[in-house]
Amino acid sequence: MNRRAFFAVAVGAVAATHGTARAQAGDDAEAVKQRLIDWYRAFANPRVDRRHYLSFTTDDYLLCENGELLDKAGDLAMLDALPADLVRTDRFDFRRVTVEGDRADLVYFLAAEMNDSTNGARSRRWLESAIMRRTGGEWRCSLLHSTRISPPRA
């Protein structure tokens, strides 16, 4: 094979591989976002099975919540504190989702509408970032950093 033919084949192979990798990263980004949304749905349901809820986290999971560092037990304590009649609807505004192999980084705004008999209706917003790892073929959160956005002062 002459040099020109070899070069043309090599360039074509690299372009095909790059296009496939980019398509895979796009598919992974959507899978990561959906996995995160499903995890929040599990959190918002106070009747959720603990094992199901924890299936969204890695063994070394950490939560940074408004200046506190919590492990799985601390996160579960927050889950246990939810009112039994909580109804919560979350909206996500993903600003960045980067997938590199079996690791994904996400940055997003979260808005929640919540209602229960104890606290009534309320709205909350957070700026959050998450690190997720593909473990056993599933995306799981290893680190979640959540900062509540206070309403503007009048």
N, C-alpha and C. Protein backbone atom coordinates (compact mmCIF):
# COMPACT_ATOMS: atom_id res chain seq x y z
N MET A 1 0.86 -1.17 0.00
CA MET A 1 0.00 0.00 0.00
C MET A 1 0.90 1.23 0.00
N ASN A 2 0.57 2.19 -0.86
CA ASN A 2 1.39 3.39 -0.90
C ASN A 2 1.05 4.32 0.25
N ARG A 3 1.88 5.33 0.43
CA ARG A 3 1.73 6.23 1.57
C ARG A 3 0.39 6.95 1.56
N ARG A 4 -0.04 7.42 0.41
CA ARG A 4 -1.31 8.17 0.34
C ARG A 4 -2.48 7.27 0.73
N ALA A 5 -2.51 6.08 0.24
CA ALA A 5 -3.60 5.15 0.58
C ALA A 5 -3.57 4.81 2.06
N PHE A 6 -2.38 4.56 2.59
CA PHE A 6 -2.24 4.27 4.00
C PHE A 6 -2.73 5.45 4.85
N PHE A 7 -2.33 6.66 4.48
CA PHE A 7 -2.72 7.86 5.22
C PHE A 7 -4.24 8.03 5.18
N ALA A 8 -4.85 7.83 4.04
CA ALA A 8 -6.30 7.97 3.90
C ALA A 8 -7.03 6.95 4.77
N VAL A 9 -6.56 5.72 4.80
CA VAL A 9 -7.17 4.68 5.64
C VAL A 9 -6.98 5.03 7.12
N ALA A 10 -5.79 5.49 7.50
CA ALA A 10 -5.51 5.82 8.90
C ALA A 10 -6.39 6.98 9.36
N VAL A 11 -6.50 8.02 8.53
CA VAL A 11 -7.34 9.17 8.88
C VAL A 11 -8.79 8.74 9.01
N GLY A 12 -9.26 7.91 8.12
CA GLY A 12 -10.64 7.42 8.18
C GLY A 12 -10.88 6.60 9.45
N ALA A 13 -9.93 5.77 9.83
CA ALA A 13 -10.09 4.96 11.04
C ALA A 13 -10.12 5.84 12.29
N VAL A 14 -9.25 6.82 12.34
CA VAL A 14 -9.23 7.73 13.49
C VAL A 14 -10.53 8.51 13.56
N ALA A 15 -11.02 9.02 12.45
CA ALA A 15 -12.27 9.78 12.44
C ALA A 15 -13.45 8.91 12.87
N ALA A 16 -13.49 7.68 12.41
CA ALA A 16 -14.58 6.78 12.80
C ALA A 16 -14.52 6.47 14.29
N THR A 17 -13.34 6.23 14.80
CA THR A 17 -13.18 5.93 16.22
C THR A 17 -13.56 7.15 17.06
N HIS A 18 -13.12 8.32 16.64
CA HIS A 18 -13.43 9.55 17.38
C HIS A 18 -14.94 9.80 17.38
N GLY A 19 -15.59 9.60 16.26
CA GLY A 19 -17.04 9.78 16.17
C GLY A 19 -17.79 8.80 17.06
N THR A 20 -17.33 7.55 17.11
CA THR A 20 -17.95 6.55 17.97
C THR A 20 -17.76 6.91 19.44
N ALA A 21 -16.56 7.36 19.81
CA ALA A 21 -16.29 7.74 21.20
C ALA A 21 -17.14 8.93 21.60
N ARG A 22 -17.30 9.89 20.69
CA ARG A 22 -18.12 11.06 20.99
C ARG A 22 -19.59 10.66 21.16
N ALA A 23 -20.08 9.76 20.34
CA ALA A 23 -21.46 9.29 20.47
C ALA A 23 -21.64 8.54 21.79
N GLN A 24 -20.65 7.72 22.17
CA GLN A 24 -20.72 7.00 23.45
C GLN A 24 -20.72 7.97 24.61
N ALA A 25 -19.89 9.01 24.56
CA ALA A 25 -19.85 10.00 25.63
C ALA A 25 -21.19 10.72 25.74
N GLY A 26 -21.83 11.01 24.61
CA GLY A 26 -23.15 11.64 24.63
C GLY A 26 -24.19 10.73 25.26
N ASP A 27 -24.15 9.45 24.90
CA ASP A 27 -25.06 8.48 25.51
C ASP A 27 -24.81 8.37 27.01
N ASP A 28 -23.54 8.33 27.41
CA ASP A 28 -23.19 8.25 28.83
C ASP A 28 -23.64 9.50 29.57
N ALA A 29 -23.51 10.67 28.96
CA ALA A 29 -23.94 11.91 29.62
C ALA A 29 -25.43 11.86 29.89
N GLU A 30 -26.21 11.39 28.96
CA GLU A 30 -27.66 11.28 29.18
C GLU A 30 -27.97 10.23 30.24
N ALA A 31 -27.23 9.13 30.24
CA ALA A 31 -27.44 8.09 31.24
C ALA A 31 -27.09 8.60 32.64
N VAL A 32 -26.03 9.38 32.75
CA VAL A 32 -25.62 9.94 34.04
C VAL A 32 -26.69 10.91 34.55
N LYS A 33 -27.17 11.79 33.69
CA LYS A 33 -28.21 12.74 34.10
C LYS A 33 -29.47 12.00 34.55
N GLN A 34 -29.87 10.99 33.80
CA GLN A 34 -31.08 10.25 34.17
C GLN A 34 -30.89 9.50 35.48
N ARG A 35 -29.72 8.96 35.70
CA ARG A 35 -29.44 8.24 36.95
C ARG A 35 -29.53 9.20 38.14
N LEU A 36 -29.00 10.40 37.99
CA LEU A 36 -29.07 11.40 39.05
C LEU A 36 -30.54 11.79 39.31
N ILE A 37 -31.31 12.00 38.28
CA ILE A 37 -32.73 12.34 38.43
C ILE A 37 -33.47 11.22 39.15
N ASP A 38 -33.20 9.98 38.78
CA ASP A 38 -33.85 8.84 39.43
C ASP A 38 -33.48 8.75 40.91
N TRP A 39 -32.23 9.09 41.22
CA TRP A 39 -31.78 9.08 42.62
C TRP A 39 -32.55 10.12 43.43
N TYR A 40 -32.75 11.30 42.86
CA TYR A 40 -33.52 12.33 43.55
C TYR A 40 -34.98 11.91 43.71
N ARG A 41 -35.51 11.22 42.75
CA ARG A 41 -36.89 10.71 42.89
C ARG A 41 -36.97 9.73 44.06
N ALA A 42 -35.94 8.92 44.23
CA ALA A 42 -35.91 7.98 45.36
C ALA A 42 -35.82 8.75 46.67
N PHE A 43 -35.00 9.82 46.71
CA PHE A 43 -34.87 10.63 47.93
C PHE A 43 -36.19 11.33 48.26
N ALA A 44 -36.88 11.81 47.24
CA ALA A 44 -38.12 12.57 47.45
C ALA A 44 -39.27 11.69 47.91
N ASN A 45 -39.11 10.39 47.83
CA ASN A 45 -40.17 9.47 48.23
C ASN A 45 -39.84 8.94 49.63
N PRO A 46 -40.49 9.46 50.68
CA PRO A 46 -40.12 9.05 52.04
C PRO A 46 -40.44 7.58 52.34
N ARG A 47 -41.13 6.94 51.46
CA ARG A 47 -41.44 5.52 51.67
C ARG A 47 -40.47 4.61 50.90
N VAL A 48 -39.41 5.19 50.36
CA VAL A 48 -38.48 4.42 49.54
C VAL A 48 -37.72 3.39 50.38
N ASP A 49 -37.42 2.29 49.75
CA ASP A 49 -36.60 1.24 50.37
C ASP A 49 -35.17 1.77 50.50
N ARG A 50 -34.59 1.66 51.69
CA ARG A 50 -33.23 2.15 51.91
C ARG A 50 -32.22 1.50 50.97
N ARG A 51 -32.37 0.22 50.73
CA ARG A 51 -31.42 -0.47 49.85
C ARG A 51 -31.47 0.12 48.44
N HIS A 52 -32.68 0.42 47.97
CA HIS A 52 -32.82 1.03 46.65
C HIS A 52 -32.16 2.41 46.63
N TYR A 53 -32.42 3.21 47.66
CA TYR A 53 -31.82 4.54 47.73
C TYR A 53 -30.30 4.45 47.71
N LEU A 54 -29.74 3.56 48.51
CA LEU A 54 -28.29 3.44 48.59
C LEU A 54 -27.67 2.83 47.34
N SER A 55 -28.47 2.19 46.50
CA SER A 55 -27.94 1.61 45.26
C SER A 55 -27.45 2.69 44.30
N PHE A 56 -27.78 3.95 44.57
CA PHE A 56 -27.34 5.05 43.73
C PHE A 56 -25.99 5.62 44.18
N THR A 57 -25.42 5.08 45.28
CA THR A 57 -24.17 5.63 45.82
C THR A 57 -23.06 4.59 45.83
N THR A 58 -21.83 5.08 45.80
CA THR A 58 -20.67 4.20 45.92
C THR A 58 -20.44 3.89 47.40
N ASP A 59 -19.59 2.92 47.65
CA ASP A 59 -19.28 2.55 49.03
C ASP A 59 -18.64 3.70 49.81
N ASP A 60 -17.87 4.54 49.11
CA ASP A 60 -17.17 5.64 49.78
C ASP A 60 -17.88 6.98 49.60
N TYR A 61 -19.17 6.96 49.36
CA TYR A 61 -19.98 8.15 49.11
C TYR A 61 -19.84 9.20 50.22
N LEU A 62 -19.73 10.46 49.81
CA LEU A 62 -19.71 11.59 50.73
C LEU A 62 -20.68 12.66 50.22
N LEU A 63 -21.34 13.30 51.18
CA LEU A 63 -22.25 14.40 50.88
C LEU A 63 -21.74 15.64 51.60
N CYS A 64 -21.53 16.71 50.85
CA CYS A 64 -21.18 18.01 51.40
C CYS A 64 -22.44 18.86 51.31
N GLU A 65 -23.10 19.05 52.44
CA GLU A 65 -24.41 19.70 52.47
C GLU A 65 -24.34 20.94 53.35
N ASN A 66 -24.34 22.11 52.71
CA ASN A 66 -24.36 23.38 53.44
C ASN A 66 -23.36 23.43 54.59
N GLY A 67 -22.13 23.10 54.31
CA GLY A 67 -21.07 23.21 55.30
C GLY A 67 -20.87 21.98 56.17
N GLU A 68 -21.66 20.94 55.97
CA GLU A 68 -21.50 19.71 56.74
C GLU A 68 -21.01 18.59 55.82
N LEU A 69 -20.18 17.73 56.35
CA LEU A 69 -19.68 16.58 55.63
C LEU A 69 -20.38 15.34 56.18
N LEU A 70 -21.15 14.67 55.32
CA LEU A 70 -21.94 13.52 55.75
C LEU A 70 -21.57 12.29 54.95
N ASP A 71 -21.57 11.15 55.62
CA ASP A 71 -21.39 9.87 54.93
C ASP A 71 -22.78 9.29 54.65
N LYS A 72 -22.83 8.02 54.28
CA LYS A 72 -24.11 7.39 53.98
C LYS A 72 -25.07 7.44 55.16
N ALA A 73 -24.55 7.22 56.36
CA ALA A 73 -25.41 7.23 57.55
C ALA A 73 -26.03 8.62 57.76
N GLY A 74 -25.24 9.66 57.55
CA GLY A 74 -25.76 11.02 57.67
C GLY A 74 -26.80 11.33 56.62
N ASP A 75 -26.58 10.84 55.41
CA ASP A 75 -27.54 11.04 54.33
C ASP A 75 -28.85 10.30 54.66
N LEU A 76 -28.72 9.08 55.17
CA LEU A 76 -29.92 8.32 55.54
C LEU A 76 -30.68 9.00 56.68
N ALA A 77 -29.96 9.64 57.59
CA ALA A 77 -30.63 10.36 58.67
C ALA A 77 -31.49 11.49 58.10
N MET A 78 -31.00 12.16 57.06
CA MET A 78 -31.82 13.19 56.41
C MET A 78 -33.04 12.56 55.75
N LEU A 79 -32.86 11.40 55.15
CA LEU A 79 -33.97 10.68 54.53
C LEU A 79 -35.01 10.32 55.59
N ASP A 80 -34.55 9.85 56.74
CA ASP A 80 -35.46 9.47 57.83
C ASP A 80 -36.22 10.66 58.38
N ALA A 81 -35.65 11.86 58.27
CA ALA A 81 -36.28 13.06 58.82
C ALA A 81 -37.37 13.64 57.92
N LEU A 82 -37.51 13.11 56.72
CA LEU A 82 -38.53 13.64 55.81
C LEU A 82 -39.93 13.31 56.33
N PRO A 83 -40.86 14.25 56.23
CA PRO A 83 -42.23 13.96 56.62
C PRO A 83 -42.82 12.83 55.77
N ALA A 84 -43.62 12.00 56.38
CA ALA A 84 -44.19 10.84 55.67
C ALA A 84 -45.10 11.23 54.52
N ASP A 85 -45.67 12.44 54.58
CA ASP A 85 -46.59 12.86 53.52
C ASP A 85 -45.96 13.85 52.54
N LEU A 86 -44.63 13.89 52.50
CA LEU A 86 -43.92 14.80 51.60
C LEU A 86 -44.27 14.52 50.14
N VAL A 87 -44.55 15.59 49.43
CA VAL A 87 -44.67 15.54 47.97
C VAL A 87 -43.65 16.54 47.44
N ARG A 88 -42.75 16.06 46.60
CA ARG A 88 -41.65 16.90 46.10
C ARG A 88 -41.51 16.72 44.60
N THR A 89 -41.34 17.84 43.92
CA THR A 89 -41.10 17.83 42.48
C THR A 89 -39.80 18.59 42.22
N ASP A 90 -38.86 17.94 41.55
CA ASP A 90 -37.55 18.54 41.28
C ASP A 90 -37.42 18.91 39.81
N ARG A 91 -36.72 20.03 39.58
CA ARG A 91 -36.36 20.44 38.22
C ARG A 91 -34.85 20.65 38.18
N PHE A 92 -34.22 20.10 37.17
CA PHE A 92 -32.77 20.18 37.03
C PHE A 92 -32.40 21.07 35.86
N ASP A 93 -31.39 21.88 36.06
CA ASP A 93 -30.83 22.72 35.00
C ASP A 93 -29.35 22.36 34.91
N PHE A 94 -29.04 21.37 34.08
CA PHE A 94 -27.66 20.90 33.96
C PHE A 94 -26.84 21.92 33.20
N ARG A 95 -25.75 22.34 33.81
CA ARG A 95 -24.87 23.31 33.19
C ARG A 95 -23.63 22.68 32.58
N ARG A 96 -23.17 21.57 33.18
CA ARG A 96 -22.02 20.86 32.61
C ARG A 96 -22.10 19.41 33.01
N VAL A 97 -21.92 18.56 32.02
CA VAL A 97 -21.81 17.12 32.26
C VAL A 97 -20.61 16.65 31.44
N THR A 98 -19.60 16.17 32.14
CA THR A 98 -18.38 15.69 31.49
C THR A 98 -18.20 14.23 31.84
N VAL A 99 -18.07 13.40 30.81
CA VAL A 99 -17.86 11.97 31.02
C VAL A 99 -16.51 11.60 30.43
N GLU A 100 -15.67 10.99 31.26
CA GLU A 100 -14.37 10.50 30.81
C GLU A 100 -14.23 9.08 31.31
N GLY A 101 -14.47 8.13 30.43
CA GLY A 101 -14.40 6.73 30.81
C GLY A 101 -15.48 6.37 31.80
N ASP A 102 -15.06 5.90 32.98
CA ASP A 102 -16.01 5.47 34.01
C ASP A 102 -16.21 6.53 35.09
N ARG A 103 -15.92 7.78 34.76
CA ARG A 103 -16.10 8.89 35.72
C ARG A 103 -16.87 10.00 35.03
N ALA A 104 -17.78 10.61 35.78
CA ALA A 104 -18.56 11.73 35.25
C ALA A 104 -18.63 12.83 36.29
N ASP A 105 -18.53 14.06 35.83
CA ASP A 105 -18.66 15.25 36.68
C ASP A 105 -19.88 16.02 36.20
N LEU A 106 -20.72 16.44 37.13
CA LEU A 106 -21.92 17.18 36.80
C LEU A 106 -21.99 18.46 37.62
N VAL A 107 -22.47 19.51 37.01
CA VAL A 107 -22.75 20.77 37.70
C VAL A 107 -24.15 21.17 37.25
N TYR A 108 -25.00 21.51 38.23
CA TYR A 108 -26.39 21.80 37.88
C TYR A 108 -27.05 22.62 38.98
N PHE A 109 -28.12 23.27 38.59
CA PHE A 109 -29.01 23.92 39.54
C PHE A 109 -30.19 22.99 39.77
N LEU A 110 -30.64 22.91 41.00
CA LEU A 110 -31.79 22.09 41.37
C LEU A 110 -32.83 23.00 41.99
N ALA A 111 -34.05 22.91 41.50
CA ALA A 111 -35.18 23.64 42.09
C ALA A 111 -36.19 22.60 42.54
N ALA A 112 -36.72 22.76 43.76
CA ALA A 112 -37.68 21.80 44.30
C ALA A 112 -38.91 22.53 44.82
N GLU A 113 -40.05 21.98 44.47
CA GLU A 113 -41.33 22.40 45.04
C GLU A 113 -41.72 21.29 46.01
N MET A 114 -41.93 21.65 47.27
CA MET A 114 -42.22 20.65 48.29
C MET A 114 -43.49 21.04 49.04
N ASN A 115 -44.20 20.02 49.52
CA ASN A 115 -45.40 20.25 50.30
C ASN A 115 -45.60 19.07 51.25
N ASP A 116 -45.93 19.38 52.49
CA ASP A 116 -46.28 18.36 53.47
C ASP A 116 -47.09 19.03 54.57
N SER A 117 -47.72 18.23 55.41
CA SER A 117 -48.61 18.79 56.44
C SER A 117 -47.84 19.51 57.55
N THR A 118 -46.58 19.21 57.75
CA THR A 118 -45.79 19.84 58.80
C THR A 118 -45.28 21.22 58.39
N ASN A 119 -44.72 21.32 57.20
CA ASN A 119 -44.06 22.55 56.75
C ASN A 119 -44.84 23.34 55.72
N GLY A 120 -45.90 22.76 55.16
CA GLY A 120 -46.67 23.43 54.11
C GLY A 120 -45.93 23.45 52.79
N ALA A 121 -46.38 24.32 51.91
CA ALA A 121 -45.77 24.44 50.58
C ALA A 121 -44.55 25.36 50.66
N ARG A 122 -43.51 24.98 49.93
CA ARG A 122 -42.29 25.78 49.91
C ARG A 122 -41.48 25.45 48.66
N SER A 123 -40.63 26.38 48.29
CA SER A 123 -39.73 26.22 47.15
C SER A 123 -38.31 26.38 47.65
N ARG A 124 -37.42 25.61 47.08
CA ARG A 124 -35.99 25.70 47.43
C ARG A 124 -35.17 25.57 46.15
N ARG A 125 -33.95 26.17 46.21
CA ARG A 125 -33.01 26.07 45.08
C ARG A 125 -31.63 25.75 45.63
N TRP A 126 -30.87 24.98 44.86
CA TRP A 126 -29.50 24.63 45.21
C TRP A 126 -28.61 24.71 43.98
N LEU A 127 -27.36 25.00 44.22
CA LEU A 127 -26.31 24.81 43.22
C LEU A 127 -25.57 23.56 43.66
N GLU A 128 -25.47 22.59 42.76
CA GLU A 128 -24.88 21.30 43.14
C GLU A 128 -23.86 20.84 42.11
N SER A 129 -22.95 20.02 42.60
CA SER A 129 -22.02 19.32 41.73
C SER A 129 -21.91 17.89 42.24
N ALA A 130 -21.67 16.98 41.31
CA ALA A 130 -21.60 15.57 41.67
C ALA A 130 -20.48 14.90 40.87
N ILE A 131 -19.87 13.94 41.51
CA ILE A 131 -18.93 13.05 40.83
C ILE A 131 -19.56 11.67 40.85
N MET A 132 -19.67 11.09 39.67
CA MET A 132 -20.26 9.76 39.57
C MET A 132 -19.25 8.82 38.93
N ARG A 133 -19.31 7.56 39.36
CA ARG A 133 -18.44 6.53 38.81
C ARG A 133 -19.28 5.35 38.33
N ARG A 134 -18.86 4.78 37.22
CA ARG A 134 -19.54 3.59 36.74
C ARG A 134 -18.97 2.41 37.51
N THR A 135 -19.84 1.75 38.29
CA THR A 135 -19.45 0.63 39.12
C THR A 135 -20.40 -0.53 38.82
N GLY A 136 -19.85 -1.65 38.42
CA GLY A 136 -20.70 -2.79 38.10
C GLY A 136 -21.68 -2.50 36.98
N GLY A 137 -21.29 -1.62 36.05
CA GLY A 137 -22.13 -1.28 34.91
C GLY A 137 -23.17 -0.21 35.20
N GLU A 138 -23.23 0.29 36.45
CA GLU A 138 -24.20 1.33 36.82
C GLU A 138 -23.48 2.58 37.28
N TRP A 139 -24.06 3.73 36.96
CA TRP A 139 -23.53 4.99 37.45
C TRP A 139 -23.96 5.19 38.89
N ARG A 140 -22.99 5.50 39.75
CA ARG A 140 -23.26 5.73 41.17
C ARG A 140 -22.54 7.00 41.61
N CYS A 141 -23.15 7.69 42.54
CA CYS A 141 -22.58 8.94 43.02
C CYS A 141 -21.53 8.66 44.10
N SER A 142 -20.35 9.24 43.94
CA SER A 142 -19.32 9.11 44.97
C SER A 142 -19.19 10.39 45.80
N LEU A 143 -19.56 11.52 45.22
CA LEU A 143 -19.48 12.79 45.94
C LEU A 143 -20.58 13.71 45.44
N LEU A 144 -21.33 14.25 46.38
CA LEU A 144 -22.37 15.24 46.05
C LEU A 144 -22.10 16.47 46.90
N HIS A 145 -22.00 17.62 46.24
CA HIS A 145 -21.80 18.88 46.94
C HIS A 145 -23.02 19.74 46.67
N SER A 146 -23.70 20.12 47.74
CA SER A 146 -24.96 20.84 47.62
C SER A 146 -24.92 22.13 48.44
N THR A 147 -25.18 23.24 47.77
CA THR A 147 -25.21 24.54 48.43
C THR A 147 -26.57 25.17 48.18
N ARG A 148 -27.30 25.39 49.24
CA ARG A 148 -28.62 26.00 49.12
C ARG A 148 -28.48 27.45 48.71
N ILE A 149 -29.28 27.86 47.76
CA ILE A 149 -29.30 29.25 47.30
C ILE A 149 -30.38 29.98 48.09
N SER A 150 -29.96 30.93 48.87
CA SER A 150 -30.90 31.70 49.67
C SER A 150 -31.69 32.64 48.76
N PRO A 151 -32.93 32.88 49.12
CA PRO A 151 -33.70 33.83 48.31
C PRO A 151 -33.08 35.23 48.44
N PRO A 152 -33.21 36.05 47.43
CA PRO A 152 -32.63 37.40 47.52
C PRO A 152 -33.30 38.18 48.64
N ARG A 153 -32.51 38.99 49.32
CA ARG A 153 -33.04 39.83 50.41
C ARG A 153 -33.74 41.04 49.81
N ALA A 154 -34.83 41.40 50.43
CA ALA A 154 -35.61 42.54 49.92
C ALA A 154 -35.01 43.85 50.34
